[in-house]
């Protein structure tokens, strides 16, 4: 904490949804989480000078404070810079330094499309939200009929990171991803075979899965000798899952000791071999 024990307030302004400003601001704030408390105030959809005037008045009463922004409208950027200087409020333009560096390297100036660009950002944002909602709705084998709308369907035994991988693909690529567990002696839904061209099998080494399941039981306060974490039972489950995956004829990703990001990247390459063909621009 600072000597006077005051809390810094960071106002994050955007003329769109504010997702970019929030991501960058919170990444910076996290660097100080053990040293100083910082209050974060998101202010999306700032499109008029009158809104900035009201914000400045509020900030006058909440010092120490600062502004971080991702405004794209030139007139608004100029105005907020002037007001911040006038009232001696620290201010940071989060995007322009990066844009200017790219522009210098390419030798071109980006088009000053004030609202068109933000409309594209809005579209990207809402596609991601829709994909996240889809992943939740079709998590863990729920609503098999919805698989027809999926871009990708993940299959595998329990604890192969199916759900977090679905969420990562939704949040970062706007992919609609369903997942279905392969449970020993439980027939998978017929919809899985109707859409096997969308499937990707997640495999894991038995000893790695044993450690993961044992840790899971311990975290829940349950005995580690449960059949859920029994090594021989795990091998039986995996043999069964292997047969289903072979029947589907789908590509396979080994998730042993892999971060979710690595697994997701490999899945995208397998399903969409052309680099970045489905990644949002």
Protein backbone atom coordinates (compact mmCIF):
# COMPACT_ATOMS: atom_id res chain seq x y z
CA UNK A 1 0.00 0.00 0.00
CA UNK A 2 1.06 3.59 -0.51
CA UNK A 3 1.96 5.71 2.47
CA UNK A 4 -1.40 7.47 2.66
CA UNK A 5 -3.19 4.12 2.22
CA UNK A 6 -5.24 5.43 -0.69
CA UNK A 7 -6.66 3.10 -3.31
CA UNK A 8 -5.89 3.85 -6.95
CA UNK A 9 -8.93 3.76 -9.25
CA UNK A 10 -8.34 2.78 -12.87
CA UNK A 11 -11.09 3.88 -15.27
CA UNK A 12 -11.08 1.77 -18.43
CA UNK A 13 -12.82 3.50 -21.35
CA UNK A 14 -13.88 2.10 -24.72
CA UNK A 15 -16.27 3.15 -27.49
CA UNK A 16 -17.27 -0.49 -27.99
CA UNK A 17 -17.82 -3.46 -25.66
CA UNK A 18 -14.66 -2.76 -23.67
CA UNK A 19 -13.34 -6.32 -23.90
CA UNK A 20 -9.90 -5.31 -25.18
CA UNK A 21 -9.52 -2.50 -22.65
CA UNK A 22 -10.57 -4.82 -19.83
CA UNK A 23 -8.17 -7.59 -20.83
CA UNK A 24 -5.19 -5.24 -21.07
CA UNK A 25 -6.06 -3.26 -17.92
CA UNK A 26 -6.59 -6.32 -15.76
CA UNK A 27 -3.37 -7.90 -17.05
CA UNK A 28 -1.52 -4.80 -15.84
CA UNK A 29 -3.39 -4.66 -12.52
CA UNK A 30 -2.50 -8.28 -11.75
CA UNK A 31 1.18 -7.31 -11.65
CA UNK A 32 0.47 -5.30 -8.48
CA UNK A 33 -1.99 -7.61 -6.73
CA UNK A 34 0.41 -8.34 -3.83
CA UNK A 35 1.59 -4.77 -3.36
CA UNK A 36 -1.25 -2.35 -3.91
CA UNK A 37 -5.03 -2.51 -4.08
CA UNK A 38 -6.39 -1.09 -7.34
CA UNK A 39 -10.06 -0.49 -8.05
CA UNK A 40 -11.09 -1.26 -11.63
CA UNK A 41 -14.01 0.63 -13.23
CA UNK A 42 -15.02 -0.43 -16.77
CA UNK A 43 -16.77 2.21 -18.90
CA UNK A 44 -17.75 0.76 -22.30
CA UNK A 45 -19.59 2.46 -25.18
CA UNK A 46 -18.22 5.95 -24.62
CA UNK A 47 -19.11 7.75 -27.87
CA UNK A 48 -19.82 11.39 -26.88
CA UNK A 49 -17.88 14.24 -25.30
CA UNK A 50 -20.70 14.73 -22.80
CA UNK A 51 -20.00 11.26 -21.40
CA UNK A 52 -16.33 12.11 -20.98
CA UNK A 53 -17.24 15.35 -19.17
CA UNK A 54 -19.32 13.39 -16.65
CA UNK A 55 -16.55 10.86 -16.14
CA UNK A 56 -13.97 13.58 -15.51
CA UNK A 57 -16.24 15.15 -12.86
CA UNK A 58 -16.54 11.79 -11.12
CA UNK A 59 -12.80 11.25 -11.29
CA UNK A 60 -12.18 14.63 -9.68
CA UNK A 61 -13.81 13.17 -6.56
CA UNK A 62 -11.99 9.84 -6.64
CA UNK A 63 -8.29 10.66 -6.69
CA UNK A 64 -5.84 9.01 -6.99
CA UNK A 65 -7.12 7.78 -10.32
CA UNK A 66 -6.08 7.23 -13.91
CA UNK A 67 -7.55 6.50 -17.34
CA UNK A 68 -6.74 3.67 -19.74
CA UNK A 69 -8.61 3.68 -23.04
CA UNK A 70 -9.09 1.95 -26.40
CA UNK A 71 -11.13 4.67 -28.10
CA UNK A 72 -11.04 4.56 -31.90
CA UNK A 73 -12.81 7.85 -32.72
CA UNK A 74 -10.07 10.47 -33.33
CA UNK A 75 -12.11 13.41 -31.99
CA UNK A 76 -12.84 11.54 -28.76
CA UNK A 77 -9.21 10.54 -28.29
CA UNK A 78 -8.08 14.12 -28.73
CA UNK A 79 -10.76 15.41 -26.36
CA UNK A 80 -10.08 12.96 -23.54
CA UNK A 81 -6.32 13.58 -23.82
CA UNK A 82 -6.98 17.33 -23.48
CA UNK A 83 -9.31 16.91 -20.50
CA UNK A 84 -6.93 14.56 -18.73
CA UNK A 85 -4.09 17.05 -19.18
CA UNK A 86 -6.29 19.92 -18.00
CA UNK A 87 -7.30 18.12 -14.80
CA UNK A 88 -3.88 16.48 -14.33
CA UNK A 89 -5.23 12.93 -14.57
CA UNK A 90 -2.73 10.28 -15.74
CA UNK A 91 -3.90 8.71 -18.99
CA UNK A 92 -2.78 5.80 -21.19
CA UNK A 93 -3.79 5.07 -24.77
CA UNK A 94 -3.68 1.27 -24.82
CA UNK A 95 -3.71 0.66 -28.58
CA UNK A 96 -2.11 3.56 -30.45
CA UNK A 97 1.55 2.81 -29.57
CA UNK A 98 1.17 -0.72 -30.92
CA UNK A 99 -0.74 0.46 -34.01
CA UNK A 100 1.88 3.13 -34.70
CA UNK A 101 4.72 0.62 -34.42
CA UNK A 102 3.00 -1.80 -36.81
CA UNK A 103 2.27 1.08 -39.18
CA UNK A 104 5.93 2.12 -39.13
CA UNK A 105 7.13 -1.41 -39.83
CA UNK A 106 4.69 -1.89 -42.72
CA UNK A 107 5.11 1.60 -44.09
CA UNK A 108 1.35 2.13 -44.30
CA UNK A 109 -1.28 4.00 -42.31
CA UNK A 110 -4.35 2.07 -41.13
CA UNK A 111 -7.72 3.35 -42.43
CA UNK A 112 -9.43 5.66 -39.94
CA UNK A 113 -12.74 3.83 -40.03
CA UNK A 114 -14.18 5.03 -36.78
CA UNK A 115 -17.25 2.90 -36.32
CA UNK A 116 -16.76 0.14 -38.86
CA UNK A 117 -13.84 -1.29 -36.95
CA UNK A 118 -15.74 -1.27 -33.68
CA UNK A 119 -18.69 -2.97 -35.36
CA UNK A 120 -16.32 -5.76 -36.39
CA UNK A 121 -15.05 -6.00 -32.81
CA UNK A 122 -18.64 -6.20 -31.55
CA UNK A 123 -19.35 -9.01 -34.02
CA UNK A 124 -16.29 -10.94 -32.88
CA UNK A 125 -17.19 -10.45 -29.22
CA UNK A 126 -20.76 -11.69 -29.60
CA UNK A 127 -19.64 -14.68 -31.68
CA UNK A 128 -17.44 -15.68 -28.77
CA UNK A 129 -20.28 -15.22 -26.28
CA UNK A 130 -22.55 -17.39 -28.43
CA UNK A 131 -19.85 -20.05 -28.64
CA UNK A 132 -19.37 -20.07 -24.85
CA UNK A 133 -23.12 -20.47 -24.32
CA UNK A 134 -23.10 -23.35 -26.81
CA UNK A 135 -20.23 -25.08 -24.97
CA UNK A 136 -22.11 -24.84 -21.67
CA UNK A 137 -25.35 -26.14 -23.18
CA UNK A 138 -23.66 -29.16 -24.79
CA UNK A 139 -21.15 -29.91 -22.04
CA UNK A 140 -20.62 -33.49 -20.87
CA UNK A 141 -22.95 -35.11 -23.40
CA UNK A 142 -25.94 -32.87 -22.77
CA UNK A 143 -28.31 -32.25 -25.69
CA UNK A 144 -26.83 -34.65 -28.30
CA UNK A 145 -29.25 -33.33 -30.92
CA UNK A 146 -27.42 -30.01 -30.73
CA UNK A 147 -24.27 -31.64 -32.10
CA UNK A 148 -25.42 -30.89 -35.64
CA UNK A 149 -24.66 -27.21 -34.97
CA UNK A 150 -21.20 -27.90 -33.53
CA UNK A 151 -17.98 -27.00 -35.31
CA UNK A 152 -16.07 -29.56 -33.24
CA UNK A 153 -17.08 -32.47 -30.99
CA UNK A 154 -14.57 -33.69 -28.38
CA UNK A 155 -14.74 -37.25 -27.05
CA UNK A 156 -12.72 -38.98 -24.36
CA UNK A 157 -12.80 -40.56 -20.92
CA UNK A 158 -13.37 -38.51 -17.78
CA UNK A 159 -10.64 -35.98 -16.81
CA UNK A 160 -9.13 -35.47 -20.25
CA UNK A 161 -9.77 -31.70 -20.13
CA UNK A 162 -12.75 -31.81 -22.48
CA UNK A 163 -14.69 -28.98 -20.82
CA UNK A 164 -11.80 -26.48 -20.38
CA UNK A 165 -10.70 -27.16 -23.96
CA UNK A 166 -14.23 -26.47 -25.21
CA UNK A 167 -14.29 -23.19 -23.31
CA UNK A 168 -10.86 -22.16 -24.60
CA UNK A 169 -11.86 -22.84 -28.21
CA UNK A 170 -15.07 -20.87 -27.68
CA UNK A 171 -13.40 -17.87 -26.06
CA UNK A 172 -10.39 -17.65 -28.37
CA UNK A 173 -11.68 -18.95 -31.71
CA UNK A 174 -15.48 -18.56 -31.41
CA UNK A 175 -15.76 -22.29 -32.09
CA UNK A 176 -19.01 -24.01 -31.14
CA UNK A 177 -17.69 -27.11 -29.40
CA UNK A 178 -19.65 -29.98 -27.87
CA UNK A 179 -18.09 -32.74 -25.78
CA UNK A 180 -19.21 -36.25 -24.98
CA UNK A 181 -17.69 -38.52 -22.31
CA UNK A 182 -16.84 -42.09 -23.28
CA UNK A 183 -18.02 -44.18 -20.33
CA UNK A 184 -17.25 -47.89 -20.11
CA UNK A 185 -20.22 -50.05 -21.16
CA UNK A 186 -22.37 -47.00 -21.92
CA UNK A 187 -23.25 -46.69 -25.60
CA UNK A 188 -22.48 -43.23 -27.00
CA UNK A 189 -25.39 -41.32 -28.56
CA UNK A 190 -26.17 -42.08 -32.20
CA UNK A 191 -25.68 -38.39 -32.99
CA UNK A 192 -21.97 -38.84 -32.36
CA UNK A 193 -21.72 -41.20 -35.32
CA UNK A 194 -23.97 -39.00 -37.45
CA UNK A 195 -21.42 -36.19 -37.05
CA UNK A 196 -18.20 -38.19 -36.73
CA UNK A 197 -16.50 -35.91 -39.24
CA UNK A 198 -16.55 -33.22 -36.51
CA UNK A 199 -15.11 -35.46 -33.80
CA UNK A 200 -11.67 -35.32 -32.20
CA UNK A 201 -10.63 -37.93 -29.66
CA UNK A 202 -8.73 -36.89 -26.54
CA UNK A 203 -6.38 -39.55 -25.20
CA UNK A 204 -4.14 -39.63 -22.16
CA UNK A 205 -1.55 -42.03 -20.78
CA UNK A 206 -3.03 -44.31 -18.07
CA UNK A 207 -0.47 -43.35 -15.43
CA UNK A 208 -1.13 -39.65 -16.00
CA UNK A 209 -4.89 -40.14 -15.77
CA UNK A 210 -4.41 -42.19 -12.60
CA UNK A 211 -2.53 -39.32 -10.96
CA UNK A 212 -5.14 -36.77 -12.07
CA UNK A 213 -8.07 -38.82 -10.79
CA UNK A 214 -6.34 -39.61 -7.50
CA UNK A 215 -5.70 -35.90 -6.92
CA UNK A 216 -9.32 -35.16 -7.82
CA UNK A 217 -10.62 -37.62 -5.22
CA UNK A 218 -8.29 -36.23 -2.58
CA UNK A 219 -9.46 -32.68 -3.30
CA UNK A 220 -13.03 -33.85 -2.71
CA UNK A 221 -12.07 -35.61 0.54
CA UNK A 222 -12.88 -39.03 -0.94
CA UNK A 223 -10.81 -42.22 -0.58
CA UNK A 224 -8.12 -42.54 -3.25
CA UNK A 225 -8.70 -46.31 -3.61
CA UNK A 226 -12.05 -45.77 -5.35
CA UNK A 227 -12.60 -47.65 -8.63
CA UNK A 228 -12.61 -44.23 -10.31
CA UNK A 229 -8.85 -44.01 -9.77
CA UNK A 230 -8.05 -47.72 -9.91
CA UNK A 231 -5.26 -48.23 -12.44
CA UNK A 232 -6.66 -51.47 -13.90
CA UNK A 233 -10.12 -49.95 -14.21
CA UNK A 234 -8.63 -46.94 -15.97
CA UNK A 235 -7.00 -49.23 -18.54
CA UNK A 236 -10.34 -50.96 -19.13
CA UNK A 237 -12.04 -47.59 -19.65
CA UNK A 238 -9.35 -46.44 -22.03
CA UNK A 239 -9.49 -49.64 -24.08
CA UNK A 240 -13.23 -49.13 -24.45
CA UNK A 241 -12.75 -45.46 -25.41
CA UNK A 242 -10.08 -46.46 -27.95
CA UNK A 243 -12.57 -48.79 -29.65
CA UNK A 244 -15.20 -46.05 -29.90
CA UNK A 245 -12.67 -43.53 -31.24
CA UNK A 246 -11.46 -46.08 -33.79
CA UNK A 247 -15.06 -46.71 -34.84
CA UNK A 248 -15.57 -42.97 -35.29
CA UNK A 249 -12.40 -42.81 -37.34
CA UNK A 250 -11.60 -39.38 -35.92
CA UNK A 251 -8.21 -37.73 -35.37
CA UNK A 252 -6.63 -38.05 -31.94
CA UNK A 253 -4.84 -35.63 -29.62
CA UNK A 254 -2.74 -36.92 -26.71
CA UNK A 255 -3.42 -34.50 -23.83
CA UNK A 256 -0.88 -36.03 -21.42
CA UNK A 257 1.03 -33.19 -19.71
CA UNK A 258 -0.35 -30.68 -22.24
CA UNK A 259 -1.72 -27.26 -21.42
CA UNK A 260 -5.24 -26.56 -22.64
CA UNK A 261 -3.82 -23.98 -25.06
CA UNK A 262 -1.59 -26.60 -26.69
CA UNK A 263 -4.45 -29.06 -27.00
CA UNK A 264 -6.72 -26.42 -28.53
CA UNK A 265 -4.10 -25.38 -31.08
CA UNK A 266 -3.59 -28.99 -32.15
CA UNK A 267 -7.35 -29.54 -32.45
CA UNK A 268 -7.70 -26.46 -34.65
CA UNK A 269 -4.93 -27.72 -36.91
CA UNK A 270 -6.53 -31.16 -37.20
CA UNK A 271 -10.02 -29.86 -37.91
CA UNK A 272 -9.01 -26.87 -40.02
CA UNK A 273 -5.57 -27.66 -41.53
CA UNK A 274 -5.25 -24.31 -43.31
CA UNK A 275 -3.46 -22.02 -40.79
CA UNK A 276 -5.87 -19.75 -38.91
CA UNK A 277 -8.70 -20.57 -41.34
CA UNK A 278 -11.23 -20.43 -38.53
CA UNK A 279 -9.49 -18.00 -36.19
CA UNK A 280 -11.20 -14.65 -35.88
CA UNK A 281 -9.35 -11.85 -37.56
